[in-house]
Amino acid sequence: MRLAAVIVVAWLIIGVVATVQRGYLKSNNATCARTGTVAGTIVVGPLNYVGVNPKITCHVPKPST
């Protein structure tokens, strides 16, 4: 169980490193798509270095008037 926790933490740290290297955290522009892309990049972790490049698109409905 402890080994699994270490692997998960290492996986997520590698994902954060990939996110920083791609410059996703430099902008304060917090949109649905940008937040999803950052989260996706962190979740796929080391797979970023073998070609996985998650790009999330989403459309938030506008409030009715």
PDB file of N, CA and C in Angstrom:
ATOM      1  N   MET A   1       0.820  -1.188   0.000  1.00  0.00           N
ATOM      2  CA  MET A   1       0.000   0.000   0.000  1.00  0.00           C
ATOM      3  C   MET A   1       0.869   1.258   0.000  1.00  0.00           C
ATOM      4  N   ARG A   2       1.928   1.241   0.776  1.00  0.00           N
ATOM      5  CA  ARG A   2       2.819   2.396   0.855  1.00  0.00           C
ATOM      6  C   ARG A   2       3.520   2.628  -0.483  1.00  0.00           C
ATOM      7  N   LEU A   3       3.910   1.553  -1.163  1.00  0.00           N
ATOM      8  CA  LEU A   3       4.566   1.672  -2.461  1.00  0.00           C
ATOM      9  C   LEU A   3       3.620   2.303  -3.480  1.00  0.00           C
ATOM     10  N   ALA A   4       2.355   1.922  -3.440  1.00  0.00           N
ATOM     11  CA  ALA A   4       1.368   2.490  -4.361  1.00  0.00           C
ATOM     12  C   ALA A   4       1.225   3.992  -4.129  1.00  0.00           C
ATOM     13  N   ALA A   5       1.227   4.411  -2.886  1.00  0.00           N
ATOM     14  CA  ALA A   5       1.112   5.837  -2.574  1.00  0.00           C
ATOM     15  C   ALA A   5       2.321   6.603  -3.092  1.00  0.00           C
ATOM     16  N   VAL A   6       3.495   6.030  -2.953  1.00  0.00           N
ATOM     17  CA  VAL A   6       4.718   6.679  -3.445  1.00  0.00           C
ATOM     18  C   VAL A   6       4.677   6.793  -4.966  1.00  0.00           C
ATOM     19  N   ILE A   7       4.210   5.753  -5.627  1.00  0.00           N
ATOM     20  CA  ILE A   7       4.119   5.774  -7.089  1.00  0.00           C
ATOM     21  C   ILE A   7       3.126   6.838  -7.549  1.00  0.00           C
ATOM     22  N   VAL A   8       1.975   6.928  -6.904  1.00  0.00           N
ATOM     23  CA  VAL A   8       0.972   7.930  -7.280  1.00  0.00           C
ATOM     24  C   VAL A   8       1.504   9.342  -7.075  1.00  0.00           C
ATOM     25  N   VAL A   9       2.157   9.596  -5.954  1.00  0.00           N
ATOM     26  CA  VAL A   9       2.713  10.927  -5.690  1.00  0.00           C
ATOM     27  C   VAL A   9       3.794  11.263  -6.713  1.00  0.00           C
ATOM     28  N   ALA A  10       4.668  10.323  -7.016  1.00  0.00           N
ATOM     29  CA  ALA A  10       5.712  10.562  -8.018  1.00  0.00           C
ATOM     30  C   ALA A  10       5.090  10.829  -9.388  1.00  0.00           C
ATOM     31  N   TRP A  11       4.049  10.078  -9.738  1.00  0.00           N
ATOM     32  CA  TRP A  11       3.347  10.256 -11.013  1.00  0.00           C
ATOM     33  C   TRP A  11       2.800  11.688 -11.117  1.00  0.00           C
ATOM     34  N   LEU A  12       2.144  12.155 -10.059  1.00  0.00           N
ATOM     35  CA  LEU A  12       1.561  13.492 -10.066  1.00  0.00           C
ATOM     36  C   LEU A  12       2.627  14.585 -10.077  1.00  0.00           C
ATOM     37  N   ILE A  13       3.730  14.362  -9.387  1.00  0.00           N
ATOM     38  CA  ILE A  13       4.826  15.344  -9.397  1.00  0.00           C
ATOM     39  C   ILE A  13       5.393  15.475 -10.803  1.00  0.00           C
ATOM     40  N   ILE A  14       5.560  14.363 -11.486  1.00  0.00           N
ATOM     41  CA  ILE A  14       6.046  14.412 -12.868  1.00  0.00           C
ATOM     42  C   ILE A  14       5.048  15.153 -13.746  1.00  0.00           C
ATOM     43  N   GLY A  15       3.764  14.969 -13.504  1.00  0.00           N
ATOM     44  CA  GLY A  15       2.741  15.700 -14.246  1.00  0.00           C
ATOM     45  C   GLY A  15       2.812  17.194 -14.003  1.00  0.00           C
ATOM     46  N   VAL A  16       3.062  17.604 -12.771  1.00  0.00           N
ATOM     47  CA  VAL A  16       3.210  19.027 -12.452  1.00  0.00           C
ATOM     48  C   VAL A  16       4.446  19.590 -13.140  1.00  0.00           C
ATOM     49  N   VAL A  17       5.532  18.838 -13.146  1.00  0.00           N
ATOM     50  CA  VAL A  17       6.758  19.287 -13.824  1.00  0.00           C
ATOM     51  C   VAL A  17       6.486  19.490 -15.316  1.00  0.00           C
ATOM     52  N   ALA A  18       5.767  18.566 -15.935  1.00  0.00           N
ATOM     53  CA  ALA A  18       5.425  18.703 -17.357  1.00  0.00           C
ATOM     54  C   ALA A  18       4.550  19.934 -17.588  1.00  0.00           C
ATOM     55  N   THR A  19       3.634  20.195 -16.683  1.00  0.00           N
ATOM     56  CA  THR A  19       2.760  21.362 -16.792  1.00  0.00           C
ATOM     57  C   THR A  19       3.563  22.652 -16.728  1.00  0.00           C
ATOM     58  N   VAL A  20       4.508  22.709 -15.811  1.00  0.00           N
ATOM     59  CA  VAL A  20       5.360  23.900 -15.677  1.00  0.00           C
ATOM     60  C   VAL A  20       6.234  24.059 -16.919  1.00  0.00           C
ATOM     61  N   GLN A  21       6.794  22.964 -17.414  1.00  0.00           N
ATOM     62  CA  GLN A  21       7.650  23.036 -18.599  1.00  0.00           C
ATOM     63  C   GLN A  21       6.892  23.530 -19.824  1.00  0.00           C
ATOM     64  N   ARG A  22       5.625  23.198 -19.920  1.00  0.00           N
ATOM     65  CA  ARG A  22       4.815  23.647 -21.059  1.00  0.00           C
ATOM     66  C   ARG A  22       4.300  25.072 -20.880  1.00  0.00           C
ATOM     67  N   GLY A  23       4.518  25.659 -19.710  1.00  0.00           N
ATOM     68  CA  GLY A  23       4.133  27.040 -19.478  1.00  0.00           C
ATOM     69  C   GLY A  23       2.655  27.243 -19.214  1.00  0.00           C
ATOM     70  N   TYR A  24       1.946  26.201 -18.817  1.00  0.00           N
ATOM     71  CA  TYR A  24       0.512  26.315 -18.599  1.00  0.00           C
ATOM     72  C   TYR A  24       0.169  27.115 -17.337  1.00  0.00           C
ATOM     73  N   LEU A  25       1.101  27.258 -16.423  1.00  0.00           N
ATOM     74  CA  LEU A  25       0.800  27.935 -15.167  1.00  0.00           C
ATOM     75  C   LEU A  25       1.241  29.400 -15.161  1.00  0.00           C
ATOM     76  N   LYS A  26       1.745  29.909 -16.269  1.00  0.00           N
ATOM     77  CA  LYS A  26       2.239  31.284 -16.323  1.00  0.00           C
ATOM     78  C   LYS A  26       1.127  32.314 -16.440  1.00  0.00           C
ATOM     79  N   SER A  27       0.021  31.938 -17.010  1.00  0.00           N
ATOM     80  CA  SER A  27      -1.062  32.884 -17.277  1.00  0.00           C
ATOM     81  C   SER A  27      -2.108  32.831 -16.171  1.00  0.00           C
ATOM     82  N   ASN A  28      -2.742  33.968 -15.926  1.00  0.00           N
ATOM     83  CA  ASN A  28      -3.841  34.024 -14.963  1.00  0.00           C
ATOM     84  C   ASN A  28      -5.190  33.831 -15.645  1.00  0.00           C
ATOM     85  N   ASN A  29      -5.170  33.493 -16.917  1.00  0.00           N
ATOM     86  CA  ASN A  29      -6.386  33.313 -17.694  1.00  0.00           C
ATOM     87  C   ASN A  29      -7.013  31.959 -17.355  1.00  0.00           C
ATOM     88  N   ALA A  30      -7.897  31.942 -16.359  1.00  0.00           N
ATOM     89  CA  ALA A  30      -8.498  30.694 -15.896  1.00  0.00           C
ATOM     90  C   ALA A  30      -9.810  30.441 -16.623  1.00  0.00           C
ATOM     91  N   THR A  31      -9.733  29.705 -17.701  1.00  0.00           N
ATOM     92  CA  THR A  31     -10.934  29.314 -18.428  1.00  0.00           C
ATOM     93  C   THR A  31     -11.180  27.831 -18.195  1.00  0.00           C
ATOM     94  N   CYS A  32     -12.332  27.390 -18.601  1.00  0.00           N
ATOM     95  CA  CYS A  32     -12.677  25.979 -18.461  1.00  0.00           C
ATOM     96  C   CYS A  32     -11.681  25.104 -19.226  1.00  0.00           C
ATOM     97  N   ALA A  33     -11.374  25.494 -20.458  1.00  0.00           N
ATOM     98  CA  ALA A  33     -10.467  24.701 -21.283  1.00  0.00           C
ATOM     99  C   ALA A  33      -9.053  24.690 -20.705  1.00  0.00           C
ATOM    100  N   ARG A  34      -8.588  25.830 -20.249  1.00  0.00           N
ATOM    101  CA  ARG A  34      -7.229  25.909 -19.704  1.00  0.00           C
ATOM    102  C   ARG A  34      -7.108  25.086 -18.424  1.00  0.00           C
ATOM    103  N   THR A  35      -8.103  25.189 -17.553  1.00  0.00           N
ATOM    104  CA  THR A  35      -8.096  24.419 -16.314  1.00  0.00           C
ATOM    105  C   THR A  35      -8.142  22.920 -16.612  1.00  0.00           C
ATOM    106  N   GLY A  36      -8.944  22.531 -17.568  1.00  0.00           N
ATOM    107  CA  GLY A  36      -9.016  21.120 -17.952  1.00  0.00           C
ATOM    108  C   GLY A  36      -7.725  20.610 -18.541  1.00  0.00           C
ATOM    109  N   THR A  37      -7.068  21.433 -19.354  1.00  0.00           N
ATOM    110  CA  THR A  37      -5.792  21.045 -19.951  1.00  0.00           C
ATOM    111  C   THR A  37      -4.726  20.874 -18.882  1.00  0.00           C
ATOM    112  N   VAL A  38      -4.681  21.793 -17.921  1.00  0.00           N
ATOM    113  CA  VAL A  38      -3.705  21.682 -16.827  1.00  0.00           C
ATOM    114  C   VAL A  38      -3.969  20.415 -16.024  1.00  0.00           C
ATOM    115  N   ALA A  39      -5.225  20.177 -15.670  1.00  0.00           N
ATOM    116  CA  ALA A  39      -5.566  18.978 -14.893  1.00  0.00           C
ATOM    117  C   ALA A  39      -5.247  17.705 -15.684  1.00  0.00           C
ATOM    118  N   GLY A  40      -5.562  17.702 -16.958  1.00  0.00           N
ATOM    119  CA  GLY A  40      -5.264  16.534 -17.790  1.00  0.00           C
ATOM    120  C   GLY A  40      -3.780  16.262 -17.898  1.00  0.00           C
ATOM    121  N   THR A  41      -3.001  17.321 -18.029  1.00  0.00           N
ATOM    122  CA  THR A  41      -1.546  17.167 -18.121  1.00  0.00           C
ATOM    123  C   THR A  41      -0.979  16.594 -16.835  1.00  0.00           C
ATOM    124  N   ILE A  42      -1.485  17.060 -15.707  1.00  0.00           N
ATOM    125  CA  ILE A  42      -1.008  16.547 -14.420  1.00  0.00           C
ATOM    126  C   ILE A  42      -1.392  15.081 -14.253  1.00  0.00           C
ATOM    127  N   VAL A  43      -2.605  14.729 -14.632  1.00  0.00           N
ATOM    128  CA  VAL A  43      -3.085  13.360 -14.438  1.00  0.00           C
ATOM    129  C   VAL A  43      -2.331  12.354 -15.302  1.00  0.00           C
ATOM    130  N   VAL A  44      -2.008  12.712 -16.549  1.00  0.00           N
ATOM    131  CA  VAL A  44      -1.313  11.744 -17.394  1.00  0.00           C
ATOM    132  C   VAL A  44       0.163  11.611 -17.038  1.00  0.00           C
ATOM    133  N   GLY A  45       0.685  12.522 -16.224  1.00  0.00           N
ATOM    134  CA  GLY A  45       2.014  12.393 -15.643  1.00  0.00           C
ATOM    135  C   GLY A  45       3.119  12.093 -16.633  1.00  0.00           C
ATOM    136  N   PRO A  46       3.855  11.003 -16.428  1.00  0.00           N
ATOM    137  CA  PRO A  46       5.004  10.674 -17.270  1.00  0.00           C
ATOM    138  C   PRO A  46       4.646  10.413 -18.729  1.00  0.00           C
ATOM    139  N   LEU A  47       3.402  10.130 -19.020  1.00  0.00           N
ATOM    140  CA  LEU A  47       3.008   9.889 -20.407  1.00  0.00           C
ATOM    141  C   LEU A  47       3.192  11.144 -21.263  1.00  0.00           C
ATOM    142  N   ASN A  48       3.303  12.316 -20.618  1.00  0.00           N
ATOM    143  CA  ASN A  48       3.575  13.548 -21.348  1.00  0.00           C
ATOM    144  C   ASN A  48       4.886  13.441 -22.121  1.00  0.00           C
ATOM    145  N   TYR A  49       5.827  12.699 -21.590  1.00  0.00           N
ATOM    146  CA  TYR A  49       7.157  12.601 -22.192  1.00  0.00           C
ATOM    147  C   TYR A  49       7.249  11.540 -23.281  1.00  0.00           C
ATOM    148  N   VAL A  50       6.169  10.819 -23.513  1.00  0.00           N
ATOM    149  CA  VAL A  50       6.139   9.858 -24.621  1.00  0.00           C
ATOM    150  C   VAL A  50       5.136  10.271 -25.685  1.00  0.00           C
ATOM    151  N   GLY A  51       4.698  11.525 -25.632  1.00  0.00           N
ATOM    152  CA  GLY A  51       3.882  12.067 -26.700  1.00  0.00           C
ATOM    153  C   GLY A  51       2.435  12.376 -26.370  1.00  0.00           C
ATOM    154  N   VAL A  52       1.972  12.035 -25.190  1.00  0.00           N
ATOM    155  CA  VAL A  52       0.589  12.346 -24.832  1.00  0.00           C
ATOM    156  C   VAL A  52       0.506  13.840 -24.524  1.00  0.00           C
ATOM    157  N   ASN A  53      -0.404  14.527 -25.191  1.00  0.00           N
ATOM    158  CA  ASN A  53      -0.557  15.961 -24.997  1.00  0.00           C
ATOM    159  C   ASN A  53      -2.047  16.276 -24.880  1.00  0.00           C
ATOM    160  N   PRO A  54      -2.593  16.157 -23.662  1.00  0.00           N
ATOM    161  CA  PRO A  54      -4.033  16.372 -23.514  1.00  0.00           C
ATOM    162  C   PRO A  54      -4.414  17.837 -23.736  1.00  0.00           C
ATOM    163  N   LYS A  55      -5.403  18.048 -24.567  1.00  0.00           N
ATOM    164  CA  LYS A  55      -5.976  19.376 -24.796  1.00  0.00           C
ATOM    165  C   LYS A  55      -7.470  19.248 -24.566  1.00  0.00           C
ATOM    166  N   ILE A  56      -7.971  19.936 -23.599  1.00  0.00           N
ATOM    167  CA  ILE A  56      -9.372  19.850 -23.236  1.00  0.00           C
ATOM    168  C   ILE A  56     -10.109  21.063 -23.798  1.00  0.00           C
ATOM    169  N   THR A  57     -11.252  20.824 -24.377  1.00  0.00           N
ATOM    170  CA  THR A  57     -12.115  21.921 -24.818  1.00  0.00           C
ATOM    171  C   THR A  57     -13.449  21.770 -24.109  1.00  0.00           C
ATOM    172  N   CYS A  58     -14.025  22.875 -23.744  1.00  0.00           N
ATOM    173  CA  CYS A  58     -15.336  22.826 -23.117  1.00  0.00           C
ATOM    174  C   CYS A  58     -16.070  24.129 -23.400  1.00  0.00           C
ATOM    175  N   HIS A  59     -17.359  24.032 -23.362  1.00  0.00           N
ATOM    176  CA  HIS A  59     -18.204  25.182 -23.627  1.00  0.00           C
ATOM    177  C   HIS A  59     -19.151  25.344 -22.451  1.00  0.00           C
ATOM    178  N   VAL A  60     -19.029  26.461 -21.779  1.00  0.00           N
ATOM    179  CA  VAL A  60     -19.881  26.746 -20.636  1.00  0.00           C
ATOM    180  C   VAL A  60     -21.086  27.536 -21.140  1.00  0.00           C
ATOM    181  N   PRO A  61     -22.281  27.106 -20.801  1.00  0.00           N
ATOM    182  CA  PRO A  61     -23.465  27.835 -21.264  1.00  0.00           C
ATOM    183  C   PRO A  61     -23.525  29.227 -20.627  1.00  0.00           C
ATOM    184  N   LYS A  62     -23.982  30.174 -21.403  1.00  0.00           N
ATOM    185  CA  LYS A  62     -24.128  31.530 -20.895  1.00  0.00           C
ATOM    186  C   LYS A  62     -25.406  31.617 -20.078  1.00  0.00           C
ATOM    187  N   PRO A  63     -25.381  32.423 -19.026  1.00  0.00           N
ATOM    188  CA  PRO A  63     -26.579  32.547 -18.208  1.00  0.00           C
ATOM    189  C   PRO A  63     -27.731  33.178 -19.001  1.00  0.00           C
ATOM    190  N   SER A  64     -28.915  32.742 -18.720  1.00  0.00           N
ATOM    191  CA  SER A  64     -30.070  33.326 -19.399  1.00  0.00           C
ATOM    192  C   SER A  64     -30.392  34.682 -18.795  1.00  0.00           C
ATOM    193  N   THR A  65     -30.965  35.531 -19.628  1.00  0.00           N
ATOM    194  CA  THR A  65     -31.288  36.868 -19.123  1.00  0.00           C
ATOM    195  C   THR A  65     -32.762  37.041 -18.921  1.00  0.00           C
TER     196      THR A  65
END
